[in-house]
């Protein structure tokens, strides 16, 4: 039985976007000692902390999604 690929969900796209924002922010921190999120929303303001938490949760979600995708790929490629 062939599995239908439905594409990437909106939740997954949101998680990817948040993780990319976090990665770019960490790149700026490492290269220039400049925290973009803190510069925009304030150092450790409530909004900055919410963004950091969302980025962390998005990373955990993508880790979970990658494991699930790996399981699905192993199952569908077995003869």
C-alpha atoms as a PDB file:
ATOM      1  CA  UNK A   1       0.000   0.000   0.000  1.00  0.00           C
ATOM      2  CA  UNK A   2       1.420   3.374  -1.032  1.00  0.00           C
ATOM      3  CA  UNK A   3       1.528   6.109   1.573  1.00  0.00           C
ATOM      4  CA  UNK A   4       0.221   9.527   0.512  1.00  0.00           C
ATOM      5  CA  UNK A   5       2.539  12.451   1.248  1.00  0.00           C
ATOM      6  CA  UNK A   6       0.426  15.284   2.594  1.00  0.00           C
ATOM      7  CA  UNK A   7       3.306  17.766   2.834  1.00  0.00           C
ATOM      8  CA  UNK A   8       4.402  19.696   5.873  1.00  0.00           C
ATOM      9  CA  UNK A   9       1.782  20.816   8.396  1.00  0.00           C
ATOM     10  CA  UNK A  10       1.334  24.393   9.515  1.00  0.00           C
ATOM     11  CA  UNK A  11       2.614  23.458  12.979  1.00  0.00           C
ATOM     12  CA  UNK A  12       5.793  22.042  11.483  1.00  0.00           C
ATOM     13  CA  UNK A  13       6.336  25.165   9.350  1.00  0.00           C
ATOM     14  CA  UNK A  14       5.853  27.338  12.445  1.00  0.00           C
ATOM     15  CA  UNK A  15       8.385  25.196  14.339  1.00  0.00           C
ATOM     16  CA  UNK A  16      10.878  25.418  11.470  1.00  0.00           C
ATOM     17  CA  UNK A  17      10.465  29.204  11.370  1.00  0.00           C
ATOM     18  CA  UNK A  18      11.020  29.530  15.124  1.00  0.00           C
ATOM     19  CA  UNK A  19      14.072  27.264  15.066  1.00  0.00           C
ATOM     20  CA  UNK A  20      15.590  29.251  12.187  1.00  0.00           C
ATOM     21  CA  UNK A  21      14.976  32.490  14.108  1.00  0.00           C
ATOM     22  CA  UNK A  22      16.683  30.928  17.130  1.00  0.00           C
ATOM     23  CA  UNK A  23      19.611  29.694  15.042  1.00  0.00           C
ATOM     24  CA  UNK A  24      20.133  33.098  13.446  1.00  0.00           C
ATOM     25  CA  UNK A  25      19.913  34.750  16.855  1.00  0.00           C
ATOM     26  CA  UNK A  26      22.542  32.361  18.272  1.00  0.00           C
ATOM     27  CA  UNK A  27      24.714  33.030  15.226  1.00  0.00           C
ATOM     28  CA  UNK A  28      24.584  36.750  15.978  1.00  0.00           C
ATOM     29  CA  UNK A  29      25.326  36.089  19.653  1.00  0.00           C
ATOM     30  CA  UNK A  30      28.345  33.959  18.761  1.00  0.00           C
ATOM     31  CA  UNK A  31      29.741  36.182  16.042  1.00  0.00           C
ATOM     32  CA  UNK A  32      28.911  39.675  17.271  1.00  0.00           C
ATOM     33  CA  UNK A  33      27.837  39.262  20.917  1.00  0.00           C
ATOM     34  CA  UNK A  34      24.496  40.758  19.837  1.00  0.00           C
ATOM     35  CA  UNK A  35      21.188  39.212  20.921  1.00  0.00           C
ATOM     36  CA  UNK A  36      18.613  40.232  18.290  1.00  0.00           C
ATOM     37  CA  UNK A  37      15.621  39.087  20.357  1.00  0.00           C
ATOM     38  CA  UNK A  38      16.809  41.052  23.395  1.00  0.00           C
ATOM     39  CA  UNK A  39      17.517  44.105  21.241  1.00  0.00           C
ATOM     40  CA  UNK A  40      13.988  44.063  19.797  1.00  0.00           C
ATOM     41  CA  UNK A  41      11.927  43.028  22.828  1.00  0.00           C
ATOM     42  CA  UNK A  42      14.136  43.942  25.784  1.00  0.00           C
ATOM     43  CA  UNK A  43      16.683  41.955  27.747  1.00  0.00           C
ATOM     44  CA  UNK A  44      14.810  39.180  29.586  1.00  0.00           C
ATOM     45  CA  UNK A  45      11.482  40.944  29.189  1.00  0.00           C
ATOM     46  CA  UNK A  46       8.379  38.791  29.388  1.00  0.00           C
ATOM     47  CA  UNK A  47       8.060  38.818  25.586  1.00  0.00           C
ATOM     48  CA  UNK A  48      11.720  37.850  25.086  1.00  0.00           C
ATOM     49  CA  UNK A  49      11.343  34.968  27.521  1.00  0.00           C
ATOM     50  CA  UNK A  50       8.198  33.787  25.731  1.00  0.00           C
ATOM     51  CA  UNK A  51      10.066  33.826  22.412  1.00  0.00           C
ATOM     52  CA  UNK A  52      12.983  31.873  23.914  1.00  0.00           C
ATOM     53  CA  UNK A  53      10.560  29.290  25.337  1.00  0.00           C
ATOM     54  CA  UNK A  54       8.720  28.984  22.004  1.00  0.00           C
ATOM     55  CA  UNK A  55      12.019  28.498  20.156  1.00  0.00           C
ATOM     56  CA  UNK A  56      12.999  25.781  22.644  1.00  0.00           C
ATOM     57  CA  UNK A  57       9.641  24.030  22.338  1.00  0.00           C
ATOM     58  CA  UNK A  58       9.857  24.251  18.545  1.00  0.00           C
ATOM     59  CA  UNK A  59      13.258  22.561  18.669  1.00  0.00           C
ATOM     60  CA  UNK A  60      11.890  19.751  20.832  1.00  0.00           C
ATOM     61  CA  UNK A  61       8.903  19.358  18.511  1.00  0.00           C
ATOM     62  CA  UNK A  62      11.179  19.103  15.461  1.00  0.00           C
ATOM     63  CA  UNK A  63      13.297  16.507  17.263  1.00  0.00           C
ATOM     64  CA  UNK A  64      10.114  14.497  17.915  1.00  0.00           C
ATOM     65  CA  UNK A  65       8.948  14.986  14.299  1.00  0.00           C
ATOM     66  CA  UNK A  66      12.334  13.848  12.953  1.00  0.00           C
ATOM     67  CA  UNK A  67      12.204  10.662  15.046  1.00  0.00           C
ATOM     68  CA  UNK A  68       8.650   9.951  13.858  1.00  0.00           C
ATOM     69  CA  UNK A  69       9.658  10.580  10.241  1.00  0.00           C
ATOM     70  CA  UNK A  70      12.603   8.226  10.653  1.00  0.00           C
ATOM     71  CA  UNK A  71      10.300   5.511  11.978  1.00  0.00           C
ATOM     72  CA  UNK A  72       7.871   6.042   9.112  1.00  0.00           C
ATOM     73  CA  UNK A  73      10.652   5.926   6.517  1.00  0.00           C
ATOM     74  CA  UNK A  74      12.011   2.647   7.931  1.00  0.00           C
ATOM     75  CA  UNK A  75       8.566   1.059   7.850  1.00  0.00           C
ATOM     76  CA  UNK A  76       7.726   2.130   4.282  1.00  0.00           C
ATOM     77  CA  UNK A  77      11.101   1.145   2.808  1.00  0.00           C
ATOM     78  CA  UNK A  78      11.144  -2.428   4.128  1.00  0.00           C
ATOM     79  CA  UNK A  79      10.404  -5.087   1.455  1.00  0.00           C
END
